[in-house]
């Protein structure tokens, strides 16, 4: 586990995420994305059913946002690609939760999907920012 992963895993676990998978090389999952990404999931009670929340966290050093040459167009394309590959990410998580038969990829009552930016600094500071390309008004 690299020096960034441990505090990030701890913060995600303490926030209720019970499935966390770190991809150091995300180029196969998201073409053009050279930063790591995290696939995370958690089960949440939602009225009379348990809802599975799934998030893809695109990991970006916080310092990159203050860089005047940061390529926001490329970031938008990565977010859009993740949204377009929603089913693939959900299917990967569903293998971990196969004992729960009430989760359905296409049912927003039992499953939600989101893209987040995981902004981090080397000192362990970490925050999540919701992200959307505008591709779909409702990915949940």
N, C-alpha and C. Protein backbone atom coordinates (compact mmCIF):
# COMPACT_ATOMS: atom_id res chain seq x y z
N UNK A 1 0.85 -1.17 0.00
CA UNK A 1 0.00 0.00 0.00
C UNK A 1 0.90 1.24 0.00
N UNK A 2 0.67 2.16 -0.93
CA UNK A 2 1.54 3.33 -0.98
C UNK A 2 1.12 4.35 0.10
N UNK A 3 1.98 5.33 0.33
CA UNK A 3 1.79 6.25 1.46
C UNK A 3 0.47 7.00 1.42
N UNK A 4 -0.11 7.20 0.24
CA UNK A 4 -1.38 7.92 0.14
C UNK A 4 -2.56 7.03 0.49
N UNK A 5 -2.45 5.75 0.22
CA UNK A 5 -3.60 4.86 0.34
C UNK A 5 -4.10 4.68 1.77
N UNK A 6 -3.20 4.50 2.71
CA UNK A 6 -3.62 4.16 4.07
C UNK A 6 -4.56 5.20 4.69
N UNK A 7 -4.21 6.50 4.70
CA UNK A 7 -5.14 7.46 5.29
C UNK A 7 -6.44 7.59 4.49
N UNK A 8 -6.36 7.42 3.19
CA UNK A 8 -7.57 7.51 2.36
C UNK A 8 -8.49 6.34 2.65
N UNK A 9 -7.94 5.12 2.71
CA UNK A 9 -8.74 3.94 3.05
C UNK A 9 -9.40 4.14 4.41
N UNK A 10 -8.63 4.63 5.39
CA UNK A 10 -9.16 4.83 6.74
C UNK A 10 -10.32 5.82 6.72
N UNK A 11 -10.16 6.92 6.00
CA UNK A 11 -11.22 7.94 5.94
C UNK A 11 -12.46 7.40 5.25
N UNK A 12 -12.28 6.63 4.19
CA UNK A 12 -13.44 6.06 3.50
C UNK A 12 -14.15 5.03 4.38
N UNK A 13 -13.38 4.16 5.03
CA UNK A 13 -13.98 3.16 5.93
C UNK A 13 -14.75 3.84 7.06
N UNK A 14 -14.16 4.87 7.65
CA UNK A 14 -14.84 5.55 8.76
C UNK A 14 -16.06 6.34 8.30
N UNK A 15 -16.18 6.57 7.00
CA UNK A 15 -17.36 7.24 6.44
C UNK A 15 -18.43 6.24 6.01
N UNK A 16 -18.18 4.95 6.23
CA UNK A 16 -19.21 3.95 5.94
C UNK A 16 -19.01 3.14 4.67
N UNK A 17 -18.02 3.45 3.87
CA UNK A 17 -17.77 2.67 2.66
C UNK A 17 -17.18 1.33 3.08
N UNK A 18 -17.85 0.22 2.74
CA UNK A 18 -17.36 -1.09 3.19
C UNK A 18 -16.66 -1.88 2.09
N UNK A 19 -16.75 -1.43 0.85
CA UNK A 19 -16.00 -2.06 -0.25
C UNK A 19 -15.14 -0.96 -0.85
N UNK A 20 -13.83 -1.16 -0.84
CA UNK A 20 -12.91 -0.16 -1.40
C UNK A 20 -11.86 -0.90 -2.20
N UNK A 21 -11.76 -0.58 -3.47
CA UNK A 21 -10.75 -1.21 -4.33
C UNK A 21 -9.96 -0.10 -5.02
N UNK A 22 -8.66 -0.13 -4.82
CA UNK A 22 -7.74 0.88 -5.36
C UNK A 22 -7.17 0.36 -6.67
N UNK A 23 -7.26 1.16 -7.72
CA UNK A 23 -6.65 0.84 -9.01
C UNK A 23 -5.52 1.84 -9.25
N UNK A 24 -4.29 1.39 -9.11
CA UNK A 24 -3.14 2.27 -9.33
C UNK A 24 -3.04 2.65 -10.80
N UNK A 25 -3.37 1.72 -11.69
CA UNK A 25 -3.35 1.97 -13.13
C UNK A 25 -4.78 1.90 -13.63
N UNK A 26 -5.36 3.05 -13.89
CA UNK A 26 -6.76 3.10 -14.28
C UNK A 26 -6.96 3.24 -15.79
N UNK A 27 -5.88 3.18 -16.57
CA UNK A 27 -6.00 3.41 -18.01
C UNK A 27 -6.87 2.35 -18.70
N UNK A 28 -6.90 1.12 -18.18
CA UNK A 28 -7.74 0.09 -18.79
C UNK A 28 -9.22 0.33 -18.50
N UNK A 29 -9.51 0.94 -17.35
CA UNK A 29 -10.89 1.21 -16.95
C UNK A 29 -11.41 2.52 -17.53
N UNK A 30 -10.55 3.53 -17.55
CA UNK A 30 -10.93 4.85 -18.04
C UNK A 30 -9.83 5.35 -18.97
N UNK A 31 -10.02 5.16 -20.29
CA UNK A 31 -9.00 5.61 -21.23
C UNK A 31 -8.65 7.08 -21.02
N UNK A 32 -7.37 7.37 -20.99
CA UNK A 32 -6.91 8.74 -20.80
C UNK A 32 -6.68 9.13 -19.35
N UNK A 33 -7.08 8.28 -18.43
CA UNK A 33 -6.91 8.56 -17.00
C UNK A 33 -5.62 7.91 -16.52
N UNK A 34 -4.65 8.73 -16.17
CA UNK A 34 -3.38 8.19 -15.69
C UNK A 34 -3.30 8.19 -14.17
N UNK A 35 -4.21 8.90 -13.52
CA UNK A 35 -4.23 8.92 -12.05
C UNK A 35 -4.91 7.66 -11.53
N UNK A 36 -4.63 7.31 -10.28
CA UNK A 36 -5.33 6.15 -9.70
C UNK A 36 -6.82 6.46 -9.53
N UNK A 37 -7.60 5.40 -9.39
CA UNK A 37 -9.01 5.58 -9.04
C UNK A 37 -9.40 4.55 -8.01
N UNK A 38 -10.49 4.84 -7.33
CA UNK A 38 -11.01 3.94 -6.30
C UNK A 38 -12.44 3.60 -6.67
N UNK A 39 -12.77 2.32 -6.57
CA UNK A 39 -14.15 1.87 -6.71
C UNK A 39 -14.62 1.58 -5.29
N UNK A 40 -15.68 2.25 -4.86
CA UNK A 40 -16.16 2.11 -3.48
C UNK A 40 -17.66 1.83 -3.47
N UNK A 41 -18.10 1.12 -2.44
CA UNK A 41 -19.53 0.82 -2.29
C UNK A 41 -19.88 0.74 -0.82
N UNK A 42 -21.15 1.00 -0.54
CA UNK A 42 -21.67 0.84 0.81
C UNK A 42 -23.16 0.52 0.74
N UNK A 43 -23.62 -0.23 1.72
CA UNK A 43 -25.04 -0.56 1.81
C UNK A 43 -25.70 0.43 2.75
N UNK A 44 -26.83 0.97 2.33
CA UNK A 44 -27.54 1.96 3.13
C UNK A 44 -29.01 1.59 3.22
N UNK A 45 -29.58 1.64 4.43
CA UNK A 45 -31.02 1.41 4.55
C UNK A 45 -31.76 2.53 3.81
N UNK A 46 -32.74 2.16 3.01
CA UNK A 46 -33.51 3.13 2.24
C UNK A 46 -34.96 2.69 2.25
N UNK A 47 -35.72 3.28 3.13
CA UNK A 47 -37.14 2.91 3.32
C UNK A 47 -37.22 1.43 3.66
N UNK A 48 -37.84 0.63 2.81
CA UNK A 48 -38.05 -0.79 3.11
C UNK A 48 -37.02 -1.70 2.45
N UNK A 49 -36.03 -1.14 1.76
CA UNK A 49 -34.99 -1.94 1.10
C UNK A 49 -33.61 -1.43 1.51
N UNK A 50 -32.62 -2.24 1.24
CA UNK A 50 -31.23 -1.82 1.43
C UNK A 50 -30.74 -1.35 0.07
N UNK A 51 -30.19 -0.15 0.03
CA UNK A 51 -29.70 0.42 -1.22
C UNK A 51 -28.19 0.27 -1.27
N UNK A 52 -27.68 -0.08 -2.43
CA UNK A 52 -26.24 -0.17 -2.65
C UNK A 52 -25.79 1.11 -3.33
N UNK A 53 -24.93 1.87 -2.65
CA UNK A 53 -24.36 3.08 -3.22
C UNK A 53 -22.98 2.74 -3.75
N UNK A 54 -22.75 3.05 -5.01
CA UNK A 54 -21.47 2.77 -5.66
C UNK A 54 -20.91 4.10 -6.15
N UNK A 55 -19.62 4.30 -5.93
CA UNK A 55 -18.96 5.52 -6.38
C UNK A 55 -17.61 5.19 -7.00
N UNK A 56 -17.29 5.90 -8.06
CA UNK A 56 -15.96 5.83 -8.64
C UNK A 56 -15.28 7.14 -8.26
N UNK A 57 -14.14 7.03 -7.59
CA UNK A 57 -13.40 8.20 -7.15
C UNK A 57 -12.18 8.38 -8.04
N UNK A 58 -12.16 9.44 -8.81
CA UNK A 58 -11.00 9.77 -9.63
C UNK A 58 -10.03 10.54 -8.74
N UNK A 59 -8.87 9.96 -8.49
CA UNK A 59 -7.92 10.53 -7.55
C UNK A 59 -7.06 11.60 -8.23
N UNK A 60 -7.09 12.81 -7.65
CA UNK A 60 -6.37 13.94 -8.23
C UNK A 60 -5.65 14.68 -7.11
N UNK A 61 -4.35 14.91 -7.26
CA UNK A 61 -3.65 15.71 -6.25
C UNK A 61 -4.28 17.11 -6.17
N UNK A 62 -4.55 17.58 -4.97
CA UNK A 62 -5.20 18.87 -4.78
C UNK A 62 -4.41 20.00 -5.42
N UNK A 63 -3.10 19.88 -5.41
CA UNK A 63 -2.25 20.92 -5.98
C UNK A 63 -2.53 21.12 -7.48
N UNK A 64 -3.00 20.09 -8.16
CA UNK A 64 -3.29 20.20 -9.59
C UNK A 64 -4.34 21.27 -9.88
N UNK A 65 -5.30 21.46 -8.96
CA UNK A 65 -6.35 22.44 -9.20
C UNK A 65 -5.84 23.87 -9.16
N UNK A 66 -4.76 24.12 -8.44
CA UNK A 66 -4.20 25.47 -8.38
C UNK A 66 -3.25 25.73 -9.55
N UNK A 67 -2.95 24.70 -10.30
CA UNK A 67 -2.06 24.81 -11.45
C UNK A 67 -2.84 25.44 -12.61
N UNK A 68 -2.35 26.55 -13.11
CA UNK A 68 -3.07 27.27 -14.17
C UNK A 68 -3.16 26.48 -15.47
N UNK A 69 -2.34 25.46 -15.60
CA UNK A 69 -2.37 24.67 -16.84
C UNK A 69 -3.17 23.39 -16.68
N UNK A 70 -3.93 23.25 -15.57
CA UNK A 70 -4.73 22.05 -15.35
C UNK A 70 -5.73 21.89 -16.48
N UNK A 71 -5.84 20.70 -17.01
CA UNK A 71 -6.69 20.42 -18.17
C UNK A 71 -8.08 19.97 -17.73
N UNK A 72 -8.98 20.94 -17.55
CA UNK A 72 -10.34 20.62 -17.11
C UNK A 72 -11.12 19.88 -18.19
N UNK A 73 -10.79 20.12 -19.44
CA UNK A 73 -11.45 19.41 -20.54
C UNK A 73 -11.17 17.91 -20.46
N UNK A 74 -9.93 17.57 -20.16
CA UNK A 74 -9.55 16.16 -20.01
C UNK A 74 -10.26 15.55 -18.81
N UNK A 75 -10.36 16.30 -17.71
CA UNK A 75 -11.06 15.82 -16.52
C UNK A 75 -12.53 15.56 -16.85
N UNK A 76 -13.15 16.47 -17.59
CA UNK A 76 -14.55 16.30 -17.99
C UNK A 76 -14.71 15.03 -18.83
N UNK A 77 -13.78 14.78 -19.73
CA UNK A 77 -13.83 13.57 -20.57
C UNK A 77 -13.71 12.31 -19.72
N UNK A 78 -12.83 12.34 -18.70
CA UNK A 78 -12.69 11.17 -17.82
C UNK A 78 -13.98 10.91 -17.05
N UNK A 79 -14.60 11.96 -16.54
CA UNK A 79 -15.86 11.82 -15.81
C UNK A 79 -16.92 11.24 -16.73
N UNK A 80 -17.00 11.74 -17.94
CA UNK A 80 -17.97 11.25 -18.92
C UNK A 80 -17.73 9.78 -19.25
N UNK A 81 -16.47 9.38 -19.40
CA UNK A 81 -16.13 7.99 -19.69
C UNK A 81 -16.56 7.08 -18.55
N UNK A 82 -16.33 7.51 -17.31
CA UNK A 82 -16.76 6.71 -16.15
C UNK A 82 -18.27 6.55 -16.18
N UNK A 83 -18.99 7.64 -16.44
CA UNK A 83 -20.45 7.57 -16.49
C UNK A 83 -20.93 6.63 -17.59
N UNK A 84 -20.26 6.65 -18.73
CA UNK A 84 -20.64 5.77 -19.84
C UNK A 84 -20.36 4.31 -19.52
N UNK A 85 -19.37 4.05 -18.66
CA UNK A 85 -19.02 2.68 -18.27
C UNK A 85 -19.65 2.28 -16.94
N UNK A 86 -20.72 2.93 -16.57
CA UNK A 86 -21.43 2.70 -15.31
C UNK A 86 -21.71 1.22 -15.07
N UNK A 87 -22.27 0.54 -16.07
CA UNK A 87 -22.64 -0.87 -15.91
C UNK A 87 -21.45 -1.75 -15.55
N UNK A 88 -20.31 -1.50 -16.19
CA UNK A 88 -19.11 -2.29 -15.90
C UNK A 88 -18.65 -2.14 -14.46
N UNK A 89 -18.66 -0.90 -13.97
CA UNK A 89 -18.27 -0.66 -12.57
C UNK A 89 -19.27 -1.31 -11.62
N UNK A 90 -20.56 -1.19 -11.92
CA UNK A 90 -21.58 -1.79 -11.05
C UNK A 90 -21.46 -3.31 -11.03
N UNK A 91 -21.24 -3.91 -12.19
CA UNK A 91 -21.12 -5.37 -12.25
C UNK A 91 -19.93 -5.86 -11.42
N UNK A 92 -18.83 -5.10 -11.44
CA UNK A 92 -17.66 -5.48 -10.64
C UNK A 92 -18.00 -5.49 -9.15
N UNK A 93 -18.72 -4.48 -8.69
CA UNK A 93 -19.10 -4.42 -7.28
C UNK A 93 -20.13 -5.49 -6.95
N UNK A 94 -21.04 -5.77 -7.87
CA UNK A 94 -22.10 -6.75 -7.61
C UNK A 94 -21.54 -8.13 -7.33
N UNK A 95 -20.38 -8.45 -7.89
CA UNK A 95 -19.76 -9.75 -7.60
C UNK A 95 -19.45 -9.87 -6.10
N UNK A 96 -19.13 -8.76 -5.46
CA UNK A 96 -18.84 -8.77 -4.03
C UNK A 96 -20.11 -8.90 -3.19
N UNK A 97 -21.23 -8.47 -3.74
CA UNK A 97 -22.49 -8.46 -3.00
C UNK A 97 -23.48 -9.47 -3.57
N UNK A 98 -22.99 -10.53 -4.17
CA UNK A 98 -23.86 -11.49 -4.85
C UNK A 98 -24.85 -12.20 -3.92
N UNK A 99 -24.57 -12.21 -2.62
CA UNK A 99 -25.50 -12.87 -1.70
C UNK A 99 -26.76 -12.03 -1.48
N UNK A 100 -26.72 -10.77 -1.90
CA UNK A 100 -27.90 -9.92 -1.78
C UNK A 100 -28.61 -9.87 -3.13
N UNK A 101 -29.72 -10.53 -3.23
CA UNK A 101 -30.40 -10.65 -4.52
C UNK A 101 -31.26 -9.44 -4.86
N UNK A 102 -31.42 -8.50 -3.92
CA UNK A 102 -32.31 -7.39 -4.20
C UNK A 102 -31.65 -6.23 -4.94
N UNK A 103 -30.36 -6.30 -5.24
CA UNK A 103 -29.70 -5.23 -5.98
C UNK A 103 -29.88 -5.44 -7.47
N UNK A 104 -30.29 -4.37 -8.15
CA UNK A 104 -30.50 -4.42 -9.60
C UNK A 104 -29.79 -3.20 -10.20
N UNK A 105 -28.92 -3.43 -11.14
CA UNK A 105 -28.15 -2.36 -11.77
C UNK A 105 -29.05 -1.25 -12.30
N UNK A 106 -30.21 -1.61 -12.82
CA UNK A 106 -31.06 -0.64 -13.51
C UNK A 106 -32.19 -0.09 -12.64
N UNK A 107 -32.19 -0.40 -11.35
CA UNK A 107 -33.26 0.05 -10.46
C UNK A 107 -32.70 1.07 -9.47
N UNK A 108 -33.10 2.32 -9.62
CA UNK A 108 -32.57 3.37 -8.75
C UNK A 108 -33.05 3.24 -7.30
N UNK A 109 -34.04 2.39 -7.05
CA UNK A 109 -34.49 2.17 -5.67
C UNK A 109 -33.49 1.30 -4.91
N UNK A 110 -32.76 0.45 -5.62
CA UNK A 110 -31.83 -0.45 -4.94
C UNK A 110 -30.36 -0.13 -5.20
N UNK A 111 -30.08 0.70 -6.20
CA UNK A 111 -28.69 0.97 -6.57
C UNK A 111 -28.52 2.43 -6.99
N UNK A 112 -27.46 3.05 -6.50
CA UNK A 112 -27.12 4.39 -6.99
C UNK A 112 -25.66 4.39 -7.43
N UNK A 113 -25.35 5.27 -8.37
CA UNK A 113 -24.01 5.34 -8.93
C UNK A 113 -23.60 6.81 -9.01
N UNK A 114 -22.38 7.10 -8.61
CA UNK A 114 -21.90 8.48 -8.71
C UNK A 114 -20.41 8.49 -9.03
N UNK A 115 -19.98 9.63 -9.54
CA UNK A 115 -18.56 9.86 -9.79
C UNK A 115 -18.14 10.97 -8.84
N UNK A 116 -16.99 10.79 -8.23
CA UNK A 116 -16.47 11.79 -7.30
C UNK A 116 -15.00 12.04 -7.61
N UNK A 117 -14.56 13.23 -7.30
CA UNK A 117 -13.14 13.53 -7.37
C UNK A 117 -12.58 13.32 -5.97
N UNK A 118 -11.57 12.52 -5.87
CA UNK A 118 -10.88 12.30 -4.59
C UNK A 118 -9.64 13.17 -4.58
N UNK A 119 -9.75 14.34 -3.97
CA UNK A 119 -8.64 15.29 -3.94
C UNK A 119 -7.81 15.04 -2.69
N UNK A 120 -6.51 14.90 -2.87
CA UNK A 120 -5.65 14.56 -1.74
C UNK A 120 -4.37 15.37 -1.75
N UNK A 121 -3.76 15.45 -0.58
CA UNK A 121 -2.43 16.04 -0.44
C UNK A 121 -1.54 15.03 0.25
N UNK A 122 -0.25 15.18 0.12
CA UNK A 122 0.70 14.23 0.70
C UNK A 122 0.64 14.17 2.22
N UNK A 123 0.10 15.21 2.87
CA UNK A 123 0.04 15.21 4.33
C UNK A 123 -1.15 14.41 4.87
N UNK A 124 -1.90 13.76 3.98
CA UNK A 124 -3.03 12.95 4.41
C UNK A 124 -4.37 13.63 4.26
N UNK A 125 -4.39 14.94 3.97
CA UNK A 125 -5.64 15.64 3.77
C UNK A 125 -6.34 15.03 2.55
N UNK A 126 -7.64 14.80 2.68
CA UNK A 126 -8.39 14.14 1.61
C UNK A 126 -9.83 14.64 1.64
N UNK A 127 -10.38 14.95 0.48
CA UNK A 127 -11.79 15.33 0.42
C UNK A 127 -12.41 14.79 -0.86
N UNK A 128 -13.71 14.57 -0.78
CA UNK A 128 -14.46 14.09 -1.94
C UNK A 128 -15.30 15.23 -2.49
N UNK A 129 -15.32 15.35 -3.80
CA UNK A 129 -16.13 16.36 -4.48
C UNK A 129 -17.01 15.62 -5.48
N UNK A 130 -18.32 15.83 -5.42
CA UNK A 130 -19.21 15.22 -6.40
C UNK A 130 -18.90 15.77 -7.78
N UNK A 131 -18.99 14.90 -8.78
CA UNK A 131 -18.67 15.31 -10.14
C UNK A 131 -19.71 14.74 -11.10
N UNK A 132 -19.97 15.48 -12.16
CA UNK A 132 -20.87 15.00 -13.20
C UNK A 132 -20.49 15.68 -14.50
N UNK A 133 -20.58 14.94 -15.59
CA UNK A 133 -20.27 15.51 -16.89
C UNK A 133 -21.49 16.20 -17.49
N UNK A 134 -22.66 15.96 -16.92
CA UNK A 134 -23.89 16.46 -17.52
C UNK A 134 -24.45 15.47 -18.52
N UNK A 135 -23.78 14.32 -18.67
CA UNK A 135 -24.21 13.28 -19.61
C UNK A 135 -25.61 12.81 -19.29
N UNK A 136 -25.88 12.63 -18.02
CA UNK A 136 -27.19 12.17 -17.58
C UNK A 136 -27.62 13.02 -16.40
N UNK A 137 -28.86 13.43 -16.41
CA UNK A 137 -29.34 14.26 -15.30
C UNK A 137 -29.57 13.44 -14.05
N UNK A 138 -29.72 12.11 -14.21
CA UNK A 138 -29.96 11.27 -13.03
C UNK A 138 -29.28 9.93 -13.20
N UNK A 139 -28.11 9.79 -12.60
CA UNK A 139 -27.39 8.52 -12.67
C UNK A 139 -27.74 7.63 -11.49
N UNK A 140 -28.51 8.15 -10.55
CA UNK A 140 -28.87 7.36 -9.36
C UNK A 140 -29.91 6.32 -9.68
